[in-house]
Amino acid sequence: MLIRQATQHDIGRLVEIDRDAYGQTGADKNYFSKKINSFPQGVLVVEENKQVTGFIVFDMLSEGNIPEDFCDMHISEPIKGKWIYIAAFTTKTNYKDKESDSKLLLAAENVAKKLGCVESCVPLSIEHPYKNNGVFEFWEMNGYKKDGKIKWKVNEEEFVECWFYRKELT
């Protein structure tokens, strides 16, 4: 297993993986291209036998900044300091291989810590399509705690109710 920063060359495979997992709501080429161009450290891939099998996408934010697609946010306390927001996490097993998936998450957290981040947060749909695979247990076993709810703005008309999980990066 190799974890590395994604390149433009990986985009087609990233789209394929996300669409296999989430159908037409999976991310498209424009999404991945924009993320790689704007913050390349925030897109990591996992390779097995020279084949990309998963990825994580995260954004880095400064204290007080909240992504524009977070609405109606109710959390126990404000996020303090620089932090990452995990926008996408998709692997070939979709949370079934918790050990391998944890390695990808840990790699992203290590990048974040090197960049001075003190917290990591992830919104997870209350009706997550992989809850039967243990999506919530995966994040909890990796030190994330449910800390409230947000509405995640998918587009101008659609909002998804999400649990807001967070972890202090020490």
Protein backbone atom coordinates (compact mmCIF):
# COMPACT_ATOMS: atom_id res chain seq x y z
CA MET A 1 0.00 0.00 0.00
CA LEU A 2 1.37 3.39 -1.04
CA ILE A 3 -0.18 6.70 -0.01
CA ARG A 4 0.83 9.73 -2.04
CA GLN A 5 -0.32 13.15 -3.18
CA ALA A 6 -2.70 12.99 -6.15
CA THR A 7 -1.80 14.40 -9.55
CA GLN A 8 -3.84 15.53 -12.53
CA HIS A 9 -3.04 12.13 -14.04
CA ASP A 10 -5.14 10.45 -11.30
CA ILE A 11 -8.35 12.40 -11.93
CA GLY A 12 -10.06 9.90 -14.23
CA ARG A 13 -9.55 7.11 -11.71
CA LEU A 14 -10.75 9.30 -8.80
CA VAL A 15 -13.98 10.05 -10.65
CA GLU A 16 -14.42 6.35 -11.41
CA ILE A 17 -13.94 5.36 -7.75
CA ASP A 18 -16.32 8.04 -6.46
CA ARG A 19 -19.00 7.29 -9.07
CA ASP A 20 -18.74 3.55 -8.32
CA ALA A 21 -19.36 4.36 -4.65
CA TYR A 22 -21.96 7.15 -4.93
CA GLY A 23 -23.41 6.95 -8.43
CA GLN A 24 -23.99 10.17 -10.34
CA THR A 25 -23.69 12.21 -7.13
CA GLY A 26 -19.99 11.26 -6.98
CA ALA A 27 -17.50 14.00 -7.75
CA ASP A 28 -16.61 14.89 -11.33
CA LYS A 29 -13.36 15.81 -13.13
CA ASN A 30 -13.84 19.53 -12.47
CA TYR A 31 -14.11 18.95 -8.72
CA PHE A 32 -10.89 16.95 -8.50
CA SER A 33 -9.00 19.25 -10.86
CA LYS A 34 -10.02 22.29 -8.81
CA LYS A 35 -8.98 20.61 -5.54
CA ILE A 36 -5.60 19.45 -6.87
CA ASN A 37 -4.87 22.88 -8.38
CA SER A 38 -5.94 24.91 -5.34
CA PHE A 39 -4.49 22.79 -2.52
CA PRO A 40 -2.50 19.79 -3.83
CA GLN A 41 -1.48 18.62 -0.33
CA GLY A 42 -5.18 18.11 0.41
CA VAL A 43 -5.75 15.30 -2.10
CA LEU A 44 -4.13 11.99 -1.21
CA VAL A 45 -4.54 8.66 -2.95
CA VAL A 46 -3.91 5.11 -1.86
CA GLU A 47 -2.34 2.75 -4.37
CA GLU A 48 -2.25 -1.02 -4.32
CA ASN A 49 -0.30 -2.87 -7.03
CA LYS A 50 0.19 0.46 -8.88
CA GLN A 51 -3.60 0.97 -9.05
CA VAL A 52 -5.32 3.86 -7.22
CA THR A 53 -7.97 2.29 -4.96
CA GLY A 54 -9.06 5.21 -2.80
CA PHE A 55 -8.63 8.86 -1.90
CA ILE A 56 -9.20 11.57 0.66
CA VAL A 57 -9.86 15.23 -0.11
CA PHE A 58 -9.57 17.90 2.55
CA ASP A 59 -9.47 21.67 2.78
CA MET A 60 -7.48 23.67 5.29
CA LEU A 61 -9.20 26.58 7.01
CA SER A 62 -8.15 29.20 9.50
CA GLU A 63 -9.88 29.80 12.82
CA GLY A 64 -13.32 31.33 12.37
CA ASN A 65 -13.63 30.27 8.73
CA ILE A 66 -16.46 27.90 7.86
CA PRO A 67 -16.98 26.36 4.41
CA GLU A 68 -19.70 28.08 2.41
CA ASP A 69 -21.53 24.78 1.97
CA PHE A 70 -22.02 24.41 5.78
CA CYS A 71 -25.40 25.79 6.84
CA ASP A 72 -27.31 25.81 10.10
CA MET A 73 -24.27 24.61 12.07
CA HIS A 74 -24.84 23.53 15.67
CA ILE A 75 -21.68 22.36 17.45
CA SER A 76 -20.74 22.35 21.13
CA GLU A 77 -17.93 24.90 20.82
CA PRO A 78 -16.23 26.91 18.09
CA ILE A 79 -13.31 25.38 16.24
CA LYS A 80 -10.10 26.85 17.58
CA GLY A 81 -7.10 27.40 15.36
CA LYS A 82 -6.26 26.16 11.88
CA TRP A 83 -8.27 23.07 10.92
CA ILE A 84 -9.06 20.66 8.12
CA TYR A 85 -12.44 19.79 6.74
CA ILE A 86 -12.57 16.36 5.12
CA ALA A 87 -14.76 16.84 2.07
CA ALA A 88 -14.42 13.38 0.51
CA PHE A 89 -13.20 9.97 1.64
CA THR A 90 -13.74 7.03 -0.69
CA THR A 91 -11.97 3.69 -0.82
CA LYS A 92 -12.58 0.42 -2.64
CA THR A 93 -14.17 -1.20 0.42
CA ASN A 94 -16.23 1.82 1.51
CA TYR A 95 -15.39 1.49 5.21
CA LYS A 96 -15.26 -2.32 5.39
CA ASP A 97 -11.43 -2.49 5.61
CA LYS A 98 -11.07 -0.21 8.61
CA GLU A 99 -7.35 -0.92 9.07
CA SER A 100 -6.35 0.12 5.54
CA ASP A 101 -8.80 3.01 5.45
CA SER A 102 -7.37 4.24 8.78
CA LYS A 103 -3.90 4.46 7.21
CA LEU A 104 -5.20 6.85 4.56
CA LEU A 105 -6.94 8.98 7.17
CA LEU A 106 -3.82 9.06 9.35
CA ALA A 107 -1.71 10.18 6.38
CA ALA A 108 -4.06 13.13 5.84
CA GLU A 109 -4.00 14.02 9.53
CA ASN A 110 -0.19 13.97 9.48
CA VAL A 111 -0.13 16.36 6.51
CA ALA A 112 -2.55 18.63 8.38
CA LYS A 113 -0.43 18.61 11.53
CA LYS A 114 2.70 19.51 9.53
CA LEU A 115 0.75 22.48 8.15
CA GLY A 116 -0.12 23.62 11.68
CA CYS A 117 -3.69 22.34 11.93
CA VAL A 118 -5.03 21.56 15.39
CA GLU A 119 -8.37 19.98 14.48
CA SER A 120 -9.88 17.73 11.85
CA CYS A 121 -13.60 17.71 11.09
CA VAL A 122 -15.89 15.71 8.84
CA PRO A 123 -19.62 16.01 8.11
CA LEU A 124 -21.31 12.62 7.67
CA SER A 125 -24.80 12.31 6.27
CA ILE A 126 -27.20 11.06 8.94
CA GLU A 127 -28.53 8.65 6.31
CA HIS A 128 -25.04 7.76 5.03
CA PRO A 129 -25.17 5.11 2.30
CA TYR A 130 -22.40 3.12 4.04
CA LYS A 131 -23.77 3.10 7.58
CA ASN A 132 -24.18 -0.69 7.29
CA ASN A 133 -20.43 -0.87 6.56
CA GLY A 134 -19.70 0.95 9.82
CA VAL A 135 -19.00 4.47 8.57
CA PHE A 136 -19.76 6.11 11.93
CA GLU A 137 -17.80 3.47 13.87
CA PHE A 138 -14.84 4.00 11.53
CA TRP A 139 -14.58 7.68 12.38
CA GLU A 140 -15.14 7.03 16.08
CA MET A 141 -12.44 4.32 16.21
CA ASN A 142 -10.09 6.90 14.70
CA GLY A 143 -10.71 9.36 17.52
CA TYR A 144 -13.51 11.47 16.04
CA LYS A 145 -16.42 12.45 18.24
CA LYS A 146 -19.92 13.43 17.17
CA ASP A 147 -20.19 17.09 18.11
CA GLY A 148 -23.39 18.34 16.58
CA LYS A 149 -25.21 18.74 13.29
CA ILE A 150 -24.98 20.79 10.14
CA LYS A 151 -26.89 21.06 6.92
CA TRP A 152 -24.54 20.51 4.00
CA LYS A 153 -25.49 22.53 0.93
CA VAL A 154 -25.27 20.21 -2.08
CA ASN A 155 -26.64 22.83 -4.49
CA GLU A 156 -29.03 25.79 -4.40
CA GLU A 157 -32.07 23.61 -3.69
CA GLU A 158 -30.66 20.59 -1.86
CA PHE A 159 -29.37 20.27 1.70
CA VAL A 160 -28.24 17.11 3.47
CA GLU A 161 -28.58 16.73 7.25
CA CYS A 162 -25.20 15.66 8.65
CA TRP A 163 -23.60 14.70 11.91
CA PHE A 164 -20.52 16.83 12.54
CA TYR A 165 -17.55 14.81 13.77
CA ARG A 166 -14.33 16.37 15.02
CA LYS A 167 -10.96 15.35 16.40
CA GLU A 168 -8.20 17.27 18.08
CA LEU A 169 -4.92 16.75 16.25
CA THR A 170 -2.16 16.39 18.84
